[in-house]
C-alpha atoms as a PDB file:
ATOM      1  CA  MET A   1     -17.303  25.972   3.767  1.00  0.00           C
ATOM      2  CA  LYS A   2     -14.146  25.612   6.114  1.00  0.00           C
ATOM      3  CA  LYS A   3     -15.460  21.880   7.246  1.00  0.00           C
ATOM      4  CA  ASN A   4     -16.324  20.782   3.857  1.00  0.00           C
ATOM      5  CA  SER A   5     -12.191  21.764   2.864  1.00  0.00           C
ATOM      6  CA  GLU A   6     -11.024  19.982   5.536  1.00  0.00           C
ATOM      7  CA  LEU A   7     -13.230  16.625   4.962  1.00  0.00           C
ATOM      8  CA  THR A   8     -12.008  17.143   1.525  1.00  0.00           C
ATOM      9  CA  ASP A   9      -7.985  17.250   2.583  1.00  0.00           C
ATOM     10  CA  LEU A  10      -8.528  14.220   4.894  1.00  0.00           C
ATOM     11  CA  ASN A  11     -10.380  12.592   1.555  1.00  0.00           C
ATOM     12  CA  LYS A  12      -7.246  13.268  -0.515  1.00  0.00           C
ATOM     13  CA  ILE A  13      -4.905  11.583   2.159  1.00  0.00           C
ATOM     14  CA  ARG A  14      -7.168   8.519   2.564  1.00  0.00           C
ATOM     15  CA  ASN A  15      -7.033   8.064  -1.248  1.00  0.00           C
ATOM     16  CA  VAL A  16      -3.514   8.667  -1.796  1.00  0.00           C
ATOM     17  CA  SER A  17      -2.795   6.001   1.214  1.00  0.00           C
ATOM     18  CA  ILE A  18      -5.472   3.737  -0.652  1.00  0.00           C
ATOM     19  CA  LEU A  19      -3.306   4.022  -4.111  1.00  0.00           C
ATOM     20  CA  SER A  20      -0.115   3.436  -1.959  1.00  0.00           C
ATOM     21  CA  LEU A  21      -1.614   0.062  -0.591  1.00  0.00           C
ATOM     22  CA  PHE A  22      -2.469  -1.042  -4.372  1.00  0.00           C
ATOM     23  CA  THR A  23       1.400  -0.502  -5.658  1.00  0.00           C
ATOM     24  CA  SER A  24       2.747  -2.487  -2.400  1.00  0.00           C
ATOM     25  CA  THR A  25       0.092  -5.066  -2.984  1.00  0.00           C
ATOM     26  CA  GLY A  26       1.936  -5.253  -6.446  1.00  0.00           C
ATOM     27  CA  THR A  27       5.354  -5.810  -4.972  1.00  0.00           C
ATOM     28  CA  ILE A  28       3.625  -8.780  -2.903  1.00  0.00           C
ATOM     29  CA  LEU A  29       2.494 -10.411  -6.327  1.00  0.00           C
ATOM     30  CA  CYS A  30       5.577  -9.915  -7.874  1.00  0.00           C
ATOM     31  CA  CYS A  31       8.060 -11.258  -4.971  1.00  0.00           C
ATOM     32  CA  ALA A  32       6.393 -12.484  -2.023  1.00  0.00           C
ATOM     33  CA  LEU A  33       3.679 -14.888  -3.224  1.00  0.00           C
ATOM     34  CA  PRO A  34       6.111 -16.584  -5.983  1.00  0.00           C
ATOM     35  CA  ALA A  35       8.987 -17.016  -3.056  1.00  0.00           C
ATOM     36  CA  LEU A  36       6.509 -18.355  -0.503  1.00  0.00           C
ATOM     37  CA  LEU A  37       4.800 -20.676  -2.693  1.00  0.00           C
ATOM     38  CA  VAL A  38       7.629 -22.470  -4.309  1.00  0.00           C
ATOM     39  CA  THR A  39       9.005 -22.430  -0.350  1.00  0.00           C
ATOM     40  CA  ILE A  40       6.140 -24.446   0.614  1.00  0.00           C
ATOM     41  CA  GLY A  41       6.448 -26.490  -2.031  1.00  0.00           C
ATOM     42  CA  ALA A  42       3.711 -25.555  -4.063  1.00  0.00           C
ATOM     43  CA  GLY A  43       5.329 -25.332  -7.502  1.00  0.00           C
ATOM     44  CA  ALA A  44       2.780 -26.668  -9.350  1.00  0.00           C
ATOM     45  CA  ALA A  45       0.180 -24.109  -7.488  1.00  0.00           C
ATOM     46  CA  LEU A  46       2.541 -21.073  -8.811  1.00  0.00           C
ATOM     47  CA  SER A  47       2.789 -22.752 -12.346  1.00  0.00           C
ATOM     48  CA  SER A  48      -0.992 -22.628 -12.666  1.00  0.00           C
ATOM     49  CA  LEU A  49      -1.076 -19.136 -11.071  1.00  0.00           C
ATOM     50  CA  ILE A  50       1.211 -17.844 -13.301  1.00  0.00           C
ATOM     51  CA  SER A  51      -1.134 -19.337 -16.439  1.00  0.00           C
ATOM     52  CA  SER A  52      -4.034 -18.296 -15.311  1.00  0.00           C
ATOM     53  CA  PHE A  53      -2.459 -14.755 -14.768  1.00  0.00           C
ATOM     54  CA  PRO A  54       0.846 -13.855 -16.801  1.00  0.00           C
ATOM     55  CA  GLN A  55       0.710 -10.400 -15.961  1.00  0.00           C
ATOM     56  CA  ILE A  56       2.721 -11.611 -12.832  1.00  0.00           C
ATOM     57  CA  VAL A  57       5.628 -12.409 -14.843  1.00  0.00           C
ATOM     58  CA  TRP A  58       5.360  -9.027 -16.478  1.00  0.00           C
ATOM     59  CA  ILE A  59       5.460  -7.387 -12.967  1.00  0.00           C
ATOM     60  CA  SER A  60       8.134  -9.712 -11.755  1.00  0.00           C
ATOM     61  CA  LYS A  61      10.283  -8.806 -14.572  1.00  0.00           C
ATOM     62  CA  TYR A  62      10.239  -4.713 -13.888  1.00  0.00           C
ATOM     63  CA  LYS A  63      10.015  -5.275 -10.116  1.00  0.00           C
ATOM     64  CA  SER A  64      12.618  -2.395  -9.671  1.00  0.00           C
ATOM     65  CA  TYR A  65       9.966   0.272 -10.985  1.00  0.00           C
ATOM     66  CA  VAL A  66       7.154  -1.434  -9.268  1.00  0.00           C
ATOM     67  CA  PHE A  67       9.058  -1.127  -5.967  1.00  0.00           C
ATOM     68  CA  LEU A  68      10.055   2.118  -6.896  1.00  0.00           C
ATOM     69  CA  ALA A  69       6.309   3.367  -7.560  1.00  0.00           C
ATOM     70  CA  ALA A  70       5.413   1.537  -4.038  1.00  0.00           C
ATOM     71  CA  PHE A  71       8.062   3.456  -2.654  1.00  0.00           C
ATOM     72  CA  VAL A  72       7.212   6.897  -4.012  1.00  0.00           C
ATOM     73  CA  LEU A  73       3.768   6.506  -3.339  1.00  0.00           C
ATOM     74  CA  ILE A  74       3.999   5.402   0.464  1.00  0.00           C
ATOM     75  CA  ALA A  75       6.676   8.193   0.921  1.00  0.00           C
ATOM     76  CA  ILE A  76       4.027  10.629  -0.514  1.00  0.00           C
ATOM     77  CA  ALA A  77       1.379   9.094   1.563  1.00  0.00           C
ATOM     78  CA  GLY A  78       3.384   9.129   4.780  1.00  0.00           C
ATOM     79  CA  TYR A  79       4.325  13.130   4.157  1.00  0.00           C
ATOM     80  CA  LEU A  80       0.496  13.557   3.840  1.00  0.00           C
ATOM     81  CA  GLN A  81      -0.613  11.819   6.776  1.00  0.00           C
ATOM     82  CA  TRP A  82       1.993  13.553   8.958  1.00  0.00           C
ATOM     83  CA  GLN A  83       0.560  17.075   7.535  1.00  0.00           C
ATOM     84  CA  ALA A  84      -3.080  15.700   8.648  1.00  0.00           C
ATOM     85  CA  ARG A  85      -2.423  15.348  12.104  1.00  0.00           C
ATOM     86  CA  LYS A  86      -2.433  19.257  12.272  1.00  0.00           C
ATOM     87  CA  LEU A  87      -5.686  19.585  10.463  1.00  0.00           C
ATOM     88  CA  PRO A  88      -8.228  20.172  12.858  1.00  0.00           C
ATOM     89  CA  CYS A  89     -11.710  18.313  12.723  1.00  0.00           C
ATOM     90  CA  PRO A  90     -14.741  20.563  12.493  1.00  0.00           C
ATOM     91  CA  THR A  91     -17.022  21.406  15.743  1.00  0.00           C
ATOM     92  CA  ASP A  92     -19.877  19.939  14.694  1.00  0.00           C
ATOM     93  CA  LYS A  93     -19.882  16.583  16.081  1.00  0.00           C
ATOM     94  CA  LEU A  94     -20.814  14.247  13.415  1.00  0.00           C
ATOM     95  CA  LEU A  95     -18.252  15.973  10.967  1.00  0.00           C
ATOM     96  CA  ALA A  96     -16.073  15.459  13.724  1.00  0.00           C
ATOM     97  CA  LYS A  97     -16.533  11.979  14.045  1.00  0.00           C
ATOM     98  CA  LYS A  98     -16.534  11.372   9.976  1.00  0.00           C
ATOM     99  CA  CYS A  99     -13.191  13.468  10.664  1.00  0.00           C
ATOM    100  CA  MET A 100     -11.748  10.936  12.882  1.00  0.00           C
ATOM    101  CA  GLN A 101     -12.628   8.113  11.303  1.00  0.00           C
ATOM    102  CA  ALA A 102     -11.209   9.145   7.972  1.00  0.00           C
ATOM    103  CA  ARG A 103      -8.048   9.509   9.916  1.00  0.00           C
ATOM    104  CA  THR A 104      -7.761   6.443  11.438  1.00  0.00           C
ATOM    105  CA  ILE A 105      -8.815   4.112   8.540  1.00  0.00           C
ATOM    106  CA  SER A 106      -6.424   6.712   6.513  1.00  0.00           C
ATOM    107  CA  LEU A 107      -3.484   5.691   9.153  1.00  0.00           C
ATOM    108  CA  TRP A 108      -4.587   1.964   9.349  1.00  0.00           C
ATOM    109  CA  ILE A 109      -4.062   1.817   5.479  1.00  0.00           C
ATOM    110  CA  TYR A 110      -0.997   3.729   5.294  1.00  0.00           C
ATOM    111  CA  PHE A 111       0.630   1.065   8.020  1.00  0.00           C
ATOM    112  CA  VAL A 112      -0.942  -2.136   5.893  1.00  0.00           C
ATOM    113  CA  SER A 113       0.758  -0.765   2.779  1.00  0.00           C
ATOM    114  CA  LEU A 114       4.267  -0.111   4.514  1.00  0.00           C
ATOM    115  CA  ALA A 115       4.140  -3.517   5.991  1.00  0.00           C
ATOM    116  CA  LEU A 116       3.447  -5.008   2.711  1.00  0.00           C
ATOM    117  CA  LEU A 117       6.094  -2.928   0.926  1.00  0.00           C
ATOM    118  CA  LEU A 118       8.461  -4.633   3.421  1.00  0.00           C
ATOM    119  CA  ILE A 119       7.443  -7.631   3.205  1.00  0.00           C
ATOM    120  CA  GLY A 120       8.058  -7.435  -0.737  1.00  0.00           C
ATOM    121  CA  PHE A 121      11.219  -5.668  -0.303  1.00  0.00           C
ATOM    122  CA  THR A 122      12.542  -8.693   2.376  1.00  0.00           C
ATOM    123  CA  PHE A 123      11.309 -11.652  -0.726  1.00  0.00           C
ATOM    124  CA  ALA A 124      12.588  -9.703  -3.762  1.00  0.00           C
ATOM    125  CA  TYR A 125      16.041  -8.117  -1.954  1.00  0.00           C
ATOM    126  CA  ILE A 126      16.920  -9.730   0.972  1.00  0.00           C
ATOM    127  CA  LEU A 127      16.481 -13.056   0.812  1.00  0.00           C
ATOM    128  CA  PRO A 128      17.830 -14.167  -2.170  1.00  0.00           C
ATOM    129  CA  PHE A 129      21.106 -13.249  -1.306  1.00  0.00           C
ATOM    130  CA  ILE A 130      20.996 -15.318   2.360  1.00  0.00           C
END
């Protein structure tokens, strides 16, 4: 029974990492993508994107809340990643392999989420003041 609980713990960590990926992707949509399109001279593409997806304007309007939610979820995911490094994998070879794959995938998702958050933060809060 212990093997299943360890895999369940790793699945919870992976799920939080995936959720943090989605919230950090929201920071890219609200801030980095529009700034990038304007920078490369694709203002018309930005206009058509906003007309197709008007939710981008709402996300941009409430970007502070989007960033706060993304930061909180990424902090929780980081804490859970830190705790997961101590969890033992099962002794069964197949379950041990799945355990290590889940850890690796979860760690990659976490770092991608963190990178997306930093990119979005840079475009939203640092570059406008330079």
